[in-house]
């Protein structure tokens, strides 16, 4: 497991990222949070700053598998991403400080993390089947079709 110091300039690496909301209670309108996160990810994808290989938006945290496209760095991008989402929700500071990240060193590792994040809503009792959760990339992988919500990692 390779960890990258937060102050290191790194581009063109893929990361498994987790960031948490300040409170463990669900945000009012978590549907809005889910759609806002997806729209924000898509915005950064269209700008060519990231590729997104997987995501899940849970009521109290999110998991992402994202590749930074140089010269974009993970610390800068996470700051922009979290700031934008918080401003759009207009509820004051919503995120815990920082985030947890891990470099994705291989395709098998990426696929193991995809399985983990896709099963998150099932383990939390939000759905019985991962493909039923709309704020996850699980339905995109289940359909095995070209998706406008994720990028192809192969």
Protein backbone atom coordinates (compact mmCIF):
# COMPACT_ATOMS: atom_id res chain seq x y z
CA UNK A 1 0.00 0.00 0.00
CA UNK A 2 1.60 3.28 -1.17
CA UNK A 3 0.65 6.45 0.66
CA UNK A 4 1.55 9.80 -0.84
CA UNK A 5 2.29 12.72 1.50
CA UNK A 6 -0.34 15.43 1.11
CA UNK A 7 2.27 18.06 0.25
CA UNK A 8 3.85 16.07 -2.57
CA UNK A 9 3.11 17.21 -6.12
CA UNK A 10 1.71 14.19 -7.91
CA UNK A 11 -0.18 14.02 -11.20
CA UNK A 12 -1.35 11.15 -13.39
CA UNK A 13 -1.89 8.83 -10.42
CA UNK A 14 -5.12 7.09 -9.48
CA UNK A 15 -6.35 7.38 -5.89
CA UNK A 16 -8.90 5.70 -3.67
CA UNK A 17 -10.28 8.60 -1.60
CA UNK A 18 -12.62 8.81 1.36
CA UNK A 19 -13.96 12.04 2.82
CA UNK A 20 -16.51 12.38 5.59
CA UNK A 21 -19.18 14.85 6.54
CA UNK A 22 -18.72 16.67 9.85
CA UNK A 23 -21.64 14.89 11.43
CA UNK A 24 -22.68 11.27 11.25
CA UNK A 25 -26.31 12.30 10.88
CA UNK A 26 -27.76 12.38 7.41
CA UNK A 27 -27.87 15.70 5.64
CA UNK A 28 -31.36 16.97 4.89
CA UNK A 29 -31.99 16.24 1.23
CA UNK A 30 -29.23 13.62 0.82
CA UNK A 31 -30.68 13.05 -2.66
CA UNK A 32 -29.57 16.59 -3.45
CA UNK A 33 -26.10 15.83 -2.06
CA UNK A 34 -25.84 12.73 -4.25
CA UNK A 35 -26.81 14.58 -7.41
CA UNK A 36 -24.57 17.51 -6.53
CA UNK A 37 -21.54 15.23 -6.06
CA UNK A 38 -22.24 13.49 -9.38
CA UNK A 39 -22.67 16.80 -11.21
CA UNK A 40 -19.45 18.12 -9.67
CA UNK A 41 -17.48 15.00 -10.63
CA UNK A 42 -18.82 15.29 -14.17
CA UNK A 43 -17.82 18.96 -14.33
CA UNK A 44 -14.21 18.13 -13.41
CA UNK A 45 -14.20 15.19 -15.84
CA UNK A 46 -15.37 17.44 -18.68
CA UNK A 47 -12.65 19.98 -17.82
CA UNK A 48 -10.06 17.22 -18.18
CA UNK A 49 -8.84 17.46 -14.58
CA UNK A 50 -9.82 13.95 -13.49
CA UNK A 51 -10.99 10.57 -14.66
CA UNK A 52 -13.51 8.95 -12.34
CA UNK A 53 -13.52 5.16 -12.18
CA UNK A 54 -15.90 4.68 -9.27
CA UNK A 55 -17.86 6.45 -6.56
CA UNK A 56 -20.42 6.08 -3.84
CA UNK A 57 -22.15 8.92 -2.00
CA UNK A 58 -23.25 7.71 1.41
CA UNK A 59 -25.28 9.77 3.90
CA UNK A 60 -22.16 10.55 5.97
CA UNK A 61 -19.19 10.03 3.63
CA UNK A 62 -18.11 9.52 0.03
CA UNK A 63 -15.65 7.16 -1.62
CA UNK A 64 -14.05 8.01 -4.95
CA UNK A 65 -11.64 6.29 -7.29
CA UNK A 66 -10.19 9.12 -9.33
CA UNK A 67 -7.19 9.71 -11.53
CA UNK A 68 -5.62 13.16 -11.42
CA UNK A 69 -4.68 14.48 -14.85
CA UNK A 70 -1.42 16.47 -14.61
CA UNK A 71 -0.86 19.21 -13.62
CA UNK A 72 -3.84 18.69 -11.26
CA UNK A 73 -2.87 17.33 -7.84
CA UNK A 74 -5.08 15.50 -5.38
CA UNK A 75 -4.75 18.06 -2.55
CA UNK A 76 -5.69 20.97 -4.82
CA UNK A 77 -8.52 19.08 -6.46
CA UNK A 78 -10.00 17.84 -3.18
CA UNK A 79 -9.94 21.37 -1.81
CA UNK A 80 -11.81 22.67 -4.87
CA UNK A 81 -14.24 19.73 -4.93
CA UNK A 82 -15.18 19.92 -1.24
CA UNK A 83 -15.41 23.73 -1.24
CA UNK A 84 -17.70 23.77 -4.27
CA UNK A 85 -20.06 21.10 -2.90
CA UNK A 86 -20.27 22.86 0.49
CA UNK A 87 -21.00 26.24 -1.11
CA UNK A 88 -23.75 24.76 -3.29
CA UNK A 89 -25.45 23.15 -0.29
CA UNK A 90 -25.34 26.51 1.53
CA UNK A 91 -25.31 24.83 4.95
CA UNK A 92 -21.98 26.09 6.25
CA UNK A 93 -18.98 23.80 6.70
CA UNK A 94 -20.12 20.23 6.05
CA UNK A 95 -16.87 18.31 5.59
CA UNK A 96 -14.45 16.99 8.15
CA UNK A 97 -10.99 18.45 7.70
CA UNK A 98 -8.81 16.55 5.25
CA UNK A 99 -9.50 13.20 3.64
CA UNK A 100 -7.97 9.74 3.44
CA UNK A 101 -6.26 8.70 0.22
CA UNK A 102 -4.36 5.74 -1.08
CA UNK A 103 -2.59 5.29 -4.40
CA UNK A 104 -4.20 2.63 -6.60
CA UNK A 105 -1.20 0.57 -7.73
CA UNK A 106 -2.90 -1.99 -9.98
CA UNK A 107 -6.09 -3.03 -11.77
CA UNK A 108 -6.81 -5.87 -9.27
CA UNK A 109 -6.50 -3.36 -6.41
CA UNK A 110 -8.84 -0.95 -8.22
CA UNK A 111 -11.39 -3.71 -8.80
CA UNK A 112 -11.23 -4.76 -5.13
CA UNK A 113 -11.92 -1.13 -4.10
CA UNK A 114 -14.79 -0.91 -6.59
CA UNK A 115 -16.41 -3.96 -5.04
CA UNK A 116 -15.90 -2.48 -1.57
CA UNK A 117 -17.48 0.89 -2.39
CA UNK A 118 -20.33 -0.64 -4.40
CA UNK A 119 -21.30 -2.87 -1.47
CA UNK A 120 -21.28 0.08 0.98
CA UNK A 121 -25.01 0.90 0.60
CA UNK A 122 -25.89 -2.78 1.02
CA UNK A 123 -23.82 -3.10 4.21
CA UNK A 124 -25.48 0.09 5.51
CA UNK A 125 -28.96 -1.33 4.87
CA UNK A 126 -29.88 1.35 2.32
CA UNK A 127 -30.62 -1.15 -0.47
CA UNK A 128 -30.67 -4.92 -0.89
CA UNK A 129 -28.75 -4.89 -4.15
CA UNK A 130 -25.85 -2.54 -4.94
CA UNK A 131 -27.23 -1.80 -8.41
CA UNK A 132 -30.34 -0.25 -6.82
CA UNK A 133 -28.38 2.60 -5.22
CA UNK A 134 -28.44 5.63 -7.55
CA UNK A 135 -25.52 7.48 -5.90
CA UNK A 136 -23.01 4.79 -6.78
CA UNK A 137 -21.19 3.66 -9.89
CA UNK A 138 -22.45 0.09 -9.28
CA UNK A 139 -25.36 0.44 -11.76
CA UNK A 140 -22.92 1.71 -14.41
CA UNK A 141 -20.70 -1.37 -14.04
CA UNK A 142 -23.67 -3.73 -13.82
CA UNK A 143 -25.02 -2.52 -17.17
CA UNK A 144 -21.57 -3.01 -18.72
CA UNK A 145 -22.35 -0.25 -21.17
CA UNK A 146 -20.71 3.05 -21.92
CA UNK A 147 -21.59 5.38 -19.07
CA UNK A 148 -21.56 9.15 -18.93
CA UNK A 149 -20.96 8.98 -15.15
CA UNK A 150 -17.65 7.07 -15.11
CA UNK A 151 -14.54 6.60 -17.21
CA UNK A 152 -13.20 3.29 -18.49
CA UNK A 153 -10.12 2.27 -16.49
CA UNK A 154 -8.99 -0.50 -18.84
